[in-house]
Amino acid sequence: MKFYLLDDDKHIRMILKQIITDRELGTVCGTGSNGHEGLEDVFELKPDIIIVDLLMPEMDGITFVEHARTRLPDTAFIMLSQVSSKEMVSAAYEAGIEFFIQKPVNSIEVENVIQKVRQNLSMKRTLQKMQELFTEDIPGALPEEQAGSAETSADTQPLPSRNESMVTLQTILQRLGIIGDIGSRDIITVVEYMIQNHAKISELTLNELCSRFSDSPKSMEQRIRRAAAAGLVNLAHLGLEDYGNEIFTEYSNTLYNFEQVRREMDFIRGKSERHGNVKIKNFLNALVVYSVHK
């Protein structure tokens, strides 16, 4: 993966570059000392991960992230800072960062955070590819050349056993706080079917899926939607307590849309009259990806 390092302290940039290089975490494609210079660089270099300092002259790190994300939506941001105020940390996460690292820089913490971000990026990219298979707009929508590459991938990366996939799925639902919800059993049923029959899912609605397992598919679909929505609420509460919470950072932008998670957080705080919503098919697709690739 390609890294871009942005900090007005040359010494910090050198330390970060050495950690990334020595531990073979990726390639540093560029460095910068201020936000304006950094924006010019990253728009051209298109790095996978940007590590940026919060407090810089001319343009602070939060403003930089907000500008950079408009043209680099798939890039991940890690923020460095000596500031530990909850308000500043919250503002940084709301701007779109993945993780927050406190200065002085600790090599073990930097490596651990980068590994988590790399894993999240890999999961998002896998999810995007899987969503092409599960698209609702065009049945069987993979172009011929993409279908061929999907077959190759399937041949070279065998699926885990059913038990392994189901254990992973149940763990995720437990982390979301919905494993005891009656709808979680329906989610497990549908996701297991999707794993075994993913080639056909693009042709089905959720209601049609549920009709394969229940005489009351509408009720089953509603239970699934309620459980997924409960997971969103639980995730929003975790984010309000701690933006750096591991469960929040992992699932708020994979199982759910981060903007909708943030809307739910605003609703809980009384800053919005609208709840966040769940794109249920994307939610189920993401669970398939986690269950198969974790």
C-alpha atoms as a PDB file:
ATOM      1  CA  MET A   1       0.000   0.000   0.000  1.00  0.00           C
ATOM      2  CA  LYS A   2       1.073   3.574  -0.703  1.00  0.00           C
ATOM      3  CA  PHE A   3       1.478   6.028   2.188  1.00  0.00           C
ATOM      4  CA  TYR A   4       1.656   9.821   2.249  1.00  0.00           C
ATOM      5  CA  LEU A   5       3.049  11.510   5.386  1.00  0.00           C
ATOM      6  CA  LEU A   6       2.008  15.055   6.297  1.00  0.00           C
ATOM      7  CA  ASP A   7       3.535  16.763   9.339  1.00  0.00           C
ATOM      8  CA  ASP A   8       5.298  20.093   9.806  1.00  0.00           C
ATOM      9  CA  ASP A   9       7.920  18.305  11.935  1.00  0.00           C
ATOM     10  CA  LYS A  10      10.547  16.749   9.654  1.00  0.00           C
ATOM     11  CA  HIS A  11      11.697  14.471  12.473  1.00  0.00           C
ATOM     12  CA  ILE A  12       8.219  12.927  12.790  1.00  0.00           C
ATOM     13  CA  ARG A  13       8.057  12.320   9.041  1.00  0.00           C
ATOM     14  CA  MET A  14      11.416  10.547   9.174  1.00  0.00           C
ATOM     15  CA  ILE A  15      10.340   8.341  12.095  1.00  0.00           C
ATOM     16  CA  LEU A  16       7.094   7.343  10.375  1.00  0.00           C
ATOM     17  CA  LYS A  17       8.864   6.578   7.114  1.00  0.00           C
ATOM     18  CA  GLN A  18      11.388   4.405   8.929  1.00  0.00           C
ATOM     19  CA  ILE A  19       8.646   2.461  10.746  1.00  0.00           C
ATOM     20  CA  ILE A  20       6.715   1.841   7.521  1.00  0.00           C
ATOM     21  CA  THR A  21       9.836   0.816   5.608  1.00  0.00           C
ATOM     22  CA  ASP A  22      11.540  -1.293   8.281  1.00  0.00           C
ATOM     23  CA  ARG A  23       8.365  -3.216   9.125  1.00  0.00           C
ATOM     24  CA  GLU A  24       7.419  -3.652   5.465  1.00  0.00           C
ATOM     25  CA  LEU A  25       4.003  -2.060   5.917  1.00  0.00           C
ATOM     26  CA  GLY A  26       4.011  -0.421   2.496  1.00  0.00           C
ATOM     27  CA  THR A  27       5.717   2.241   0.393  1.00  0.00           C
ATOM     28  CA  VAL A  28       5.978   5.943   1.253  1.00  0.00           C
ATOM     29  CA  CYS A  29       5.080   7.661  -2.019  1.00  0.00           C
ATOM     30  CA  GLY A  30       5.469  11.215  -0.704  1.00  0.00           C
ATOM     31  CA  THR A  31       5.757  13.571   2.263  1.00  0.00           C
ATOM     32  CA  GLY A  32       4.714  17.141   2.981  1.00  0.00           C
ATOM     33  CA  SER A  33       5.009  19.806   5.655  1.00  0.00           C
ATOM     34  CA  ASN A  34       1.772  21.797   5.222  1.00  0.00           C
ATOM     35  CA  GLY A  35      -1.804  21.226   4.157  1.00  0.00           C
ATOM     36  CA  HIS A  36      -1.748  23.162   0.885  1.00  0.00           C
ATOM     37  CA  GLU A  37       1.334  21.319  -0.331  1.00  0.00           C
ATOM     38  CA  GLY A  38      -0.173  18.062   0.861  1.00  0.00           C
ATOM     39  CA  LEU A  39      -3.407  18.515  -1.091  1.00  0.00           C
ATOM     40  CA  GLU A  40      -1.512  19.094  -4.334  1.00  0.00           C
ATOM     41  CA  ASP A  41       0.582  15.996  -3.712  1.00  0.00           C
ATOM     42  CA  VAL A  42      -2.150  13.562  -2.693  1.00  0.00           C
ATOM     43  CA  PHE A  43      -4.485  14.477  -5.541  1.00  0.00           C
ATOM     44  CA  GLU A  44      -1.701  13.492  -7.919  1.00  0.00           C
ATOM     45  CA  LEU A  45      -0.217  10.546  -5.994  1.00  0.00           C
ATOM     46  CA  LYS A  46      -3.528   9.016  -4.819  1.00  0.00           C
ATOM     47  CA  PRO A  47      -2.113   7.188  -1.774  1.00  0.00           C
ATOM     48  CA  ASP A  48      -4.000   4.400  -0.038  1.00  0.00           C
ATOM     49  CA  ILE A  49      -3.286   5.768   3.449  1.00  0.00           C
ATOM     50  CA  ILE A  50      -2.481   9.321   4.566  1.00  0.00           C
ATOM     51  CA  ILE A  51      -0.970   9.985   7.998  1.00  0.00           C
ATOM     52  CA  VAL A  52      -1.577  13.633   8.884  1.00  0.00           C
ATOM     53  CA  ASP A  53      -0.788  15.852  11.874  1.00  0.00           C
ATOM     54  CA  LEU A  54      -3.694  17.646  13.529  1.00  0.00           C
ATOM     55  CA  LEU A  55      -1.962  20.926  14.374  1.00  0.00           C
ATOM     56  CA  MET A  56      -0.150  22.414  11.376  1.00  0.00           C
ATOM     57  CA  PRO A  57       0.357  26.042  10.311  1.00  0.00           C
ATOM     58  CA  GLU A  58      -1.886  27.517   7.583  1.00  0.00           C
ATOM     59  CA  MET A  59      -4.207  24.496   7.374  1.00  0.00           C
ATOM     60  CA  ASP A  60      -4.963  22.145  10.266  1.00  0.00           C
ATOM     61  CA  GLY A  61      -5.274  18.401   9.821  1.00  0.00           C
ATOM     62  CA  ILE A  62      -9.063  18.296  10.113  1.00  0.00           C
ATOM     63  CA  THR A  63      -9.492  20.853   7.325  1.00  0.00           C
ATOM     64  CA  PHE A  64      -6.986  18.933   5.212  1.00  0.00           C
ATOM     65  CA  VAL A  65      -8.912  15.674   5.649  1.00  0.00           C
ATOM     66  CA  GLU A  66     -12.221  17.338   4.767  1.00  0.00           C
ATOM     67  CA  HIS A  67     -10.746  18.728   1.518  1.00  0.00           C
ATOM     68  CA  ALA A  68      -8.844  15.563   0.625  1.00  0.00           C
ATOM     69  CA  ARG A  69     -11.846  13.268   1.095  1.00  0.00           C
ATOM     70  CA  THR A  70     -13.846  15.125  -1.550  1.00  0.00           C
ATOM     71  CA  ARG A  71     -11.535  13.749  -4.246  1.00  0.00           C
ATOM     72  CA  LEU A  72     -10.076  10.718  -2.474  1.00  0.00           C
ATOM     73  CA  PRO A  73     -13.105   8.966  -0.963  1.00  0.00           C
ATOM     74  CA  ASP A  74     -11.369   5.581  -0.903  1.00  0.00           C
ATOM     75  CA  THR A  75      -8.233   6.802   0.894  1.00  0.00           C
ATOM     76  CA  ALA A  76      -7.871   6.094   4.624  1.00  0.00           C
ATOM     77  CA  PHE A  77      -6.671   8.790   7.042  1.00  0.00           C
ATOM     78  CA  ILE A  78      -4.736   8.366  10.281  1.00  0.00           C
ATOM     79  CA  MET A  79      -4.306  11.466  12.454  1.00  0.00           C
ATOM     80  CA  LEU A  80      -1.411  12.343  14.765  1.00  0.00           C
ATOM     81  CA  SER A  81      -1.672  14.821  17.615  1.00  0.00           C
ATOM     82  CA  GLN A  82      -0.440  15.824  21.051  1.00  0.00           C
ATOM     83  CA  VAL A  83      -3.928  17.172  21.734  1.00  0.00           C
ATOM     84  CA  SER A  84      -6.181  14.730  23.583  1.00  0.00           C
ATOM     85  CA  SER A  85      -9.369  16.761  24.093  1.00  0.00           C
ATOM     86  CA  LYS A  86     -12.504  14.733  23.410  1.00  0.00           C
ATOM     87  CA  GLU A  87     -13.953  17.518  21.258  1.00  0.00           C
ATOM     88  CA  MET A  88     -10.941  17.623  18.939  1.00  0.00           C
ATOM     89  CA  VAL A  89     -10.793  13.844  18.662  1.00  0.00           C
ATOM     90  CA  SER A  90     -14.523  13.717  17.854  1.00  0.00           C
ATOM     91  CA  ALA A  91     -14.124  16.428  15.220  1.00  0.00           C
ATOM     92  CA  ALA A  92     -11.290  14.466  13.613  1.00  0.00           C
ATOM     93  CA  TYR A  93     -13.359  11.286  13.400  1.00  0.00           C
ATOM     94  CA  GLU A  94     -16.334  13.204  12.029  1.00  0.00           C
ATOM     95  CA  ALA A  95     -14.057  14.623   9.326  1.00  0.00           C
ATOM     96  CA  GLY A  96     -13.396  11.059   8.201  1.00  0.00           C
ATOM     97  CA  ILE A  97     -10.271   9.687   9.864  1.00  0.00           C
ATOM     98  CA  GLU A  98      -9.929   5.972  10.641  1.00  0.00           C
ATOM     99  CA  PHE A  99      -7.687   6.140  13.723  1.00  0.00           C
ATOM    100  CA  PHE A 100      -6.129   8.688  16.066  1.00  0.00           C
ATOM    101  CA  ILE A 101      -2.526   8.292  17.295  1.00  0.00           C
ATOM    102  CA  GLN A 102      -1.257  10.315  20.248  1.00  0.00           C
ATOM    103  CA  LYS A 103       2.205  11.881  20.102  1.00  0.00           C
ATOM    104  CA  PRO A 104       4.949  11.153  20.988  1.00  0.00           C
ATOM    105  CA  VAL A 105       4.983   8.475  18.292  1.00  0.00           C
ATOM    106  CA  ASN A 106       5.314   4.905  19.515  1.00  0.00           C
ATOM    107  CA  SER A 107       6.480   2.448  16.853  1.00  0.00           C
ATOM    108  CA  ILE A 108       4.396  -0.457  18.177  1.00  0.00           C
ATOM    109  CA  GLU A 109       1.216   1.635  18.269  1.00  0.00           C
ATOM    110  CA  VAL A 110       1.894   2.997  14.775  1.00  0.00           C
ATOM    111  CA  GLU A 111       2.381  -0.509  13.380  1.00  0.00           C
ATOM    112  CA  ASN A 112      -0.757  -1.841  15.091  1.00  0.00           C
ATOM    113  CA  VAL A 113      -2.891   1.037  13.834  1.00  0.00           C
ATOM    114  CA  ILE A 114      -1.556   0.732  10.282  1.00  0.00           C
ATOM    115  CA  GLN A 115      -2.258  -3.008  10.288  1.00  0.00           C
ATOM    116  CA  LYS A 116      -5.859  -2.345  11.363  1.00  0.00           C
ATOM    117  CA  VAL A 117      -6.316   0.303   8.677  1.00  0.00           C
ATOM    118  CA  ARG A 118      -4.813  -1.990   6.039  1.00  0.00           C
ATOM    119  CA  GLN A 119      -7.236  -4.700   7.103  1.00  0.00           C
ATOM    120  CA  ASN A 120     -10.207  -2.323   6.953  1.00  0.00           C
ATOM    121  CA  LEU A 121      -9.184  -1.095   3.497  1.00  0.00           C
ATOM    122  CA  SER A 122      -8.813  -4.641   2.259  1.00  0.00           C
ATOM    123  CA  MET A 123     -12.247  -5.513   3.631  1.00  0.00           C
ATOM    124  CA  LYS A 124     -13.861  -2.478   1.988  1.00  0.00           C
ATOM    125  CA  ARG A 125     -12.313  -3.323  -1.370  1.00  0.00           C
ATOM    126  CA  THR A 126     -13.411  -6.925  -1.117  1.00  0.00           C
ATOM    127  CA  LEU A 127     -16.894  -5.718  -0.195  1.00  0.00           C
ATOM    128  CA  GLN A 128     -17.017  -3.456  -3.245  1.00  0.00           C
ATOM    129  CA  LYS A 129     -16.128  -6.388  -5.486  1.00  0.00           C
ATOM    130  CA  MET A 130     -18.714  -8.593  -3.822  1.00  0.00           C
ATOM    131  CA  GLN A 131     -21.379  -5.914  -4.187  1.00  0.00           C
ATOM    132  CA  GLU A 132     -20.848  -6.037  -7.925  1.00  0.00           C
ATOM    133  CA  LEU A 133     -21.915  -9.672  -7.728  1.00  0.00           C
ATOM    134  CA  PHE A 134     -24.923  -8.826  -5.591  1.00  0.00           C
ATOM    135  CA  THR A 135     -26.074  -5.719  -7.464  1.00  0.00           C
ATOM    136  CA  GLU A 136     -29.839  -5.301  -7.581  1.00  0.00           C
ATOM    137  CA  ASP A 137     -29.967  -3.009 -10.568  1.00  0.00           C
ATOM    138  CA  ILE A 138     -28.898  -5.439 -13.294  1.00  0.00           C
ATOM    139  CA  PRO A 139     -29.468  -9.169 -12.803  1.00  0.00           C
ATOM    140  CA  GLY A 140     -26.309 -11.122 -13.511  1.00  0.00           C
ATOM    141  CA  ALA A 141     -24.526  -7.797 -13.919  1.00  0.00           C
ATOM    142  CA  LEU A 142     -20.895  -8.866 -14.097  1.00  0.00           C
ATOM    143  CA  PRO A 143     -19.341  -8.222 -17.512  1.00  0.00           C
ATOM    144  CA  GLU A 144     -17.830 -11.315 -19.094  1.00  0.00           C
ATOM    145  CA  GLU A 145     -14.237 -10.386 -18.303  1.00  0.00           C
ATOM    146  CA  GLN A 146     -15.091  -9.577 -14.679  1.00  0.00           C
ATOM    147  CA  ALA A 147     -17.003 -12.812 -14.311  1.00  0.00           C
ATOM    148  CA  GLY A 148     -13.937 -14.682 -15.501  1.00  0.00           C
ATOM    149  CA  SER A 149     -11.761 -12.955 -12.941  1.00  0.00           C
ATOM    150  CA  ALA A 150     -14.297 -13.734 -10.200  1.00  0.00           C
ATOM    151  CA  GLU A 151     -14.156 -17.416 -11.127  1.00  0.00           C
ATOM    152  CA  THR A 152     -10.373 -17.334 -10.962  1.00  0.00           C
ATOM    153  CA  SER A 153     -10.514 -15.712  -7.542  1.00  0.00           C
ATOM    154  CA  ALA A 154     -12.976 -18.300  -6.299  1.00  0.00           C
ATOM    155  CA  ASP A 155     -10.738 -21.108  -7.550  1.00  0.00           C
ATOM    156  CA  THR A 156      -7.637 -19.773  -5.845  1.00  0.00           C
ATOM    157  CA  GLN A 157      -9.333 -18.702  -2.600  1.00  0.00           C
ATOM    158  CA  PRO A 158     -11.522 -21.556  -1.298  1.00  0.00           C
ATOM    159  CA  LEU A 159     -14.347 -20.671   1.050  1.00  0.00           C
ATOM    160  CA  PRO A 160     -13.948 -21.478   4.731  1.00  0.00           C
ATOM    161  CA  SER A 161     -16.072 -24.289   6.135  1.00  0.00           C
ATOM    162  CA  ARG A 162     -19.698 -23.628   6.993  1.00  0.00           C
ATOM    163  CA  ASN A 163     -18.915 -23.812  10.714  1.00  0.00           C
ATOM    164  CA  GLU A 164     -16.073 -21.273  10.422  1.00  0.00           C
ATOM    165  CA  SER A 165     -18.267 -18.855   8.477  1.00  0.00           C
ATOM    166  CA  MET A 166     -21.142 -19.154  10.928  1.00  0.00           C
ATOM    167  CA  VAL A 167     -18.888 -18.667  13.965  1.00  0.00           C
ATOM    168  CA  THR A 168     -17.503 -15.499  12.372  1.00  0.00           C
ATOM    169  CA  LEU A 169     -21.011 -14.262  11.571  1.00  0.00           C
ATOM    170  CA  GLN A 170     -22.290 -14.915  15.092  1.00  0.00           C
ATOM    171  CA  THR A 171     -19.272 -13.114  16.543  1.00  0.00           C
ATOM    172  CA  ILE A 172     -20.038 -10.031  14.435  1.00  0.00           C
ATOM    173  CA  LEU A 173     -23.695 -10.014  15.493  1.00  0.00           C
ATOM    174  CA  GLN A 174     -22.578 -10.379  19.109  1.00  0.00           C
ATOM    175  CA  ARG A 175     -20.209  -7.418  18.750  1.00  0.00           C
ATOM    176  CA  LEU A 176     -23.097  -5.385  17.343  1.00  0.00           C
ATOM    177  CA  GLY A 177     -25.158  -6.331  20.404  1.00  0.00           C
ATOM    178  CA  ILE A 178     -27.936  -8.045  18.440  1.00  0.00           C
ATOM    179  CA  ILE A 179     -27.134 -11.759  18.790  1.00  0.00           C
ATOM    180  CA  GLY A 180     -30.068 -12.135  21.216  1.00  0.00           C
ATOM    181  CA  ASP A 181     -32.482 -10.391  18.843  1.00  0.00           C
ATOM    182  CA  ILE A 182     -34.947 -12.738  17.161  1.00  0.00           C
ATOM    183  CA  GLY A 183     -34.022 -11.162  13.844  1.00  0.00           C
ATOM    184  CA  SER A 184     -30.415 -12.290  14.242  1.00  0.00           C
ATOM    185  CA  ARG A 185     -31.490 -15.886  13.606  1.00  0.00           C
ATOM    186  CA  ASP A 186     -33.121 -14.768  10.368  1.00  0.00           C
ATOM    187  CA  ILE A 187     -29.962 -12.867   9.406  1.00  0.00           C
ATOM    188  CA  ILE A 188     -27.867 -15.989   9.961  1.00  0.00           C
ATOM    189  CA  THR A 189     -30.267 -18.043   7.833  1.00  0.00           C
ATOM    190  CA  VAL A 190     -30.190 -15.579   4.933  1.00  0.00           C
ATOM    191  CA  VAL A 191     -26.437 -14.936   5.048  1.00  0.00           C
ATOM    192  CA  GLU A 192     -25.685 -18.660   5.111  1.00  0.00           C
ATOM    193  CA  TYR A 193     -27.843 -19.090   2.025  1.00  0.00           C
ATOM    194  CA  MET A 194     -26.118 -16.151   0.325  1.00  0.00           C
ATOM    195  CA  ILE A 195     -22.695 -17.654   0.992  1.00  0.00           C
ATOM    196  CA  GLN A 196     -23.689 -20.944  -0.563  1.00  0.00           C
ATOM    197  CA  ASN A 197     -25.635 -19.469  -3.515  1.00  0.00           C
ATOM    198  CA  HIS A 198     -24.101 -16.030  -4.129  1.00  0.00           C
ATOM    199  CA  ALA A 199     -24.297 -16.341  -7.916  1.00  0.00           C
ATOM    200  CA  LYS A 200     -28.111 -16.156  -7.791  1.00  0.00           C
ATOM    201  CA  ILE A 201     -28.603 -13.386  -5.246  1.00  0.00           C
ATOM    202  CA  SER A 202     -28.469 -10.525  -7.740  1.00  0.00           C
ATOM    203  CA  GLU A 203     -31.797 -11.726  -9.116  1.00  0.00           C
ATOM    204  CA  LEU A 204     -33.615 -11.722  -5.757  1.00  0.00           C
ATOM    205  CA  THR A 205     -35.135  -9.134  -3.450  1.00  0.00           C
ATOM    206  CA  LEU A 206     -34.894  -9.585   0.313  1.00  0.00           C
ATOM    207  CA  ASN A 207     -38.582 -10.524   0.398  1.00  0.00           C
ATOM    208  CA  GLU A 208     -37.998 -13.228  -2.212  1.00  0.00           C
ATOM    209  CA  LEU A 209     -35.066 -14.506  -0.177  1.00  0.00           C
ATOM    210  CA  CYS A 210     -37.187 -14.654   2.960  1.00  0.00           C
ATOM    211  CA  SER A 211     -39.958 -16.516   1.122  1.00  0.00           C
ATOM    212  CA  ARG A 212     -37.548 -19.442   0.767  1.00  0.00           C
ATOM    213  CA  PHE A 213     -37.472 -19.878   4.544  1.00  0.00           C
ATOM    214  CA  SER A 214     -40.765 -18.555   5.887  1.00  0.00           C
ATOM    215  CA  ASP A 215     -44.488 -18.689   5.146  1.00  0.00           C
ATOM    216  CA  SER A 216     -44.561 -15.057   6.314  1.00  0.00           C
ATOM    217  CA  PRO A 217     -41.660 -13.507   4.368  1.00  0.00           C
ATOM    218  CA  LYS A 218     -42.765  -9.958   5.142  1.00  0.00           C
ATOM    219  CA  SER A 219     -42.540 -10.636   8.885  1.00  0.00           C
ATOM    220  CA  MET A 220     -39.112 -12.239   8.466  1.00  0.00           C
ATOM    221  CA  GLU A 221     -37.900  -9.271   6.421  1.00  0.00           C
ATOM    222  CA  GLN A 222     -39.152  -6.849   9.086  1.00  0.00           C
ATOM    223  CA  ARG A 223     -37.324  -8.780  11.806  1.00  0.00           C
ATOM    224  CA  ILE A 224     -34.105  -8.597   9.788  1.00  0.00           C
ATOM    225  CA  ARG A 225     -34.513  -4.860   9.216  1.00  0.00           C
ATOM    226  CA  ARG A 226     -35.249  -4.221  12.904  1.00  0.00           C
ATOM    227  CA  ALA A 227     -32.200  -6.203  13.993  1.00  0.00           C
ATOM    228  CA  ALA A 228     -29.944  -4.375  11.521  1.00  0.00           C
ATOM    229  CA  ALA A 229     -31.355  -1.036  12.720  1.00  0.00           C
ATOM    230  CA  ALA A 230     -30.730  -2.038  16.349  1.00  0.00           C
ATOM    231  CA  GLY A 231     -27.115  -2.763  15.413  1.00  0.00           C
ATOM    232  CA  LEU A 232     -26.858   0.726  13.928  1.00  0.00           C
ATOM    233  CA  VAL A 233     -28.179   2.287  17.143  1.00  0.00           C
ATOM    234  CA  ASN A 234     -25.761   0.264  19.276  1.00  0.00           C
ATOM    235  CA  LEU A 235     -22.871   1.252  17.028  1.00  0.00           C
ATOM    236  CA  ALA A 236     -23.847   4.922  17.263  1.00  0.00           C
ATOM    237  CA  HIS A 237     -23.817   4.714  21.068  1.00  0.00           C
ATOM    238  CA  LEU A 238     -20.338   3.166  20.973  1.00  0.00           C
ATOM    239  CA  GLY A 239     -19.149   6.034  18.781  1.00  0.00           C
ATOM    240  CA  LEU A 240     -20.585   8.624  21.149  1.00  0.00           C
ATOM    241  CA  GLU A 241     -18.750   7.044  24.069  1.00  0.00           C
ATOM    242  CA  ASP A 242     -15.469   6.609  22.205  1.00  0.00           C
ATOM    243  CA  TYR A 243     -14.806   7.407  18.544  1.00  0.00           C
ATOM    244  CA  GLY A 244     -11.757   5.173  18.737  1.00  0.00           C
ATOM    245  CA  ASN A 245     -13.752   2.126  19.837  1.00  0.00           C
ATOM    246  CA  GLU A 246     -12.521  -0.861  17.817  1.00  0.00           C
ATOM    247  CA  ILE A 247     -16.021  -2.137  16.997  1.00  0.00           C
ATOM    248  CA  PHE A 248     -17.150   1.331  15.918  1.00  0.00           C
ATOM    249  CA  THR A 249     -14.165   1.967  13.652  1.00  0.00           C
ATOM    250  CA  GLU A 250     -14.404  -1.451  12.011  1.00  0.00           C
ATOM    251  CA  TYR A 251     -18.123  -1.603  11.234  1.00  0.00           C
ATOM    252  CA  SER A 252     -19.305   2.014  10.928  1.00  0.00           C
ATOM    253  CA  ASN A 253     -18.082   2.242   7.343  1.00  0.00           C
ATOM    254  CA  THR A 254     -18.377  -1.376   6.201  1.00  0.00           C
ATOM    255  CA  LEU A 255     -21.577  -2.929   7.524  1.00  0.00           C
ATOM    256  CA  TYR A 256     -23.188   0.509   7.563  1.00  0.00           C
ATOM    257  CA  ASN A 257     -22.797   3.810   5.756  1.00  0.00           C
ATOM    258  CA  PHE A 258     -20.791   6.165   7.975  1.00  0.00           C
ATOM    259  CA  GLU A 259     -22.990   9.149   7.128  1.00  0.00           C
ATOM    260  CA  GLN A 260     -26.014   7.216   8.385  1.00  0.00           C
ATOM    261  CA  VAL A 261     -24.167   6.189  11.553  1.00  0.00           C
ATOM    262  CA  ARG A 262     -23.311   9.836  12.147  1.00  0.00           C
ATOM    263  CA  ARG A 263     -26.941  10.824  11.544  1.00  0.00           C
ATOM    264  CA  GLU A 264     -28.024   8.306  14.195  1.00  0.00           C
ATOM    265  CA  MET A 265     -25.420   9.755  16.568  1.00  0.00           C
ATOM    266  CA  ASP A 266     -26.847  13.225  15.924  1.00  0.00           C
ATOM    267  CA  PHE A 267     -30.357  11.900  16.587  1.00  0.00           C
ATOM    268  CA  ILE A 268     -29.265  10.428  19.923  1.00  0.00           C
ATOM    269  CA  ARG A 269     -27.662  13.773  20.871  1.00  0.00           C
ATOM    270  CA  GLY A 270     -30.834  15.639  19.877  1.00  0.00           C
ATOM    271  CA  LYS A 271     -29.113  17.391  16.966  1.00  0.00           C
ATOM    272  CA  SER A 272     -31.245  15.710  14.288  1.00  0.00           C
ATOM    273  CA  GLU A 273     -34.895  14.752  13.982  1.00  0.00           C
ATOM    274  CA  ARG A 274     -34.096  11.824  11.703  1.00  0.00           C
ATOM    275  CA  HIS A 275     -32.692   8.402  12.524  1.00  0.00           C
ATOM    276  CA  GLY A 276     -29.906   6.915  10.445  1.00  0.00           C
ATOM    277  CA  ASN A 277     -31.089   4.295   7.981  1.00  0.00           C
ATOM    278  CA  VAL A 278     -29.714   0.938   6.885  1.00  0.00           C
ATOM    279  CA  LYS A 279     -29.259  -0.242   3.313  1.00  0.00           C
ATOM    280  CA  ILE A 280     -30.244  -3.767   4.178  1.00  0.00           C
ATOM    281  CA  LYS A 281     -28.871  -5.524   1.104  1.00  0.00           C
ATOM    282  CA  ASN A 282     -25.495  -3.817   1.544  1.00  0.00           C
ATOM    283  CA  PHE A 283     -25.578  -4.826   5.209  1.00  0.00           C
ATOM    284  CA  LEU A 284     -26.179  -8.472   4.317  1.00  0.00           C
ATOM    285  CA  ASN A 285     -23.578  -8.398   1.540  1.00  0.00           C
ATOM    286  CA  ALA A 286     -21.015  -7.028   3.990  1.00  0.00           C
ATOM    287  CA  LEU A 287     -21.809  -9.803   6.455  1.00  0.00           C
ATOM    288  CA  VAL A 288     -21.193 -12.315   3.665  1.00  0.00           C
ATOM    289  CA  VAL A 289     -17.792 -10.758   2.960  1.00  0.00           C
ATOM    290  CA  TYR A 290     -16.786 -10.765   6.622  1.00  0.00           C
ATOM    291  CA  SER A 291     -17.959 -14.350   7.091  1.00  0.00           C
ATOM    292  CA  VAL A 292     -16.060 -15.606   4.050  1.00  0.00           C
ATOM    293  CA  HIS A 293     -12.879 -13.539   4.245  1.00  0.00           C
ATOM    294  CA  LYS A 294     -12.233 -12.960   7.950  1.00  0.00           C
END
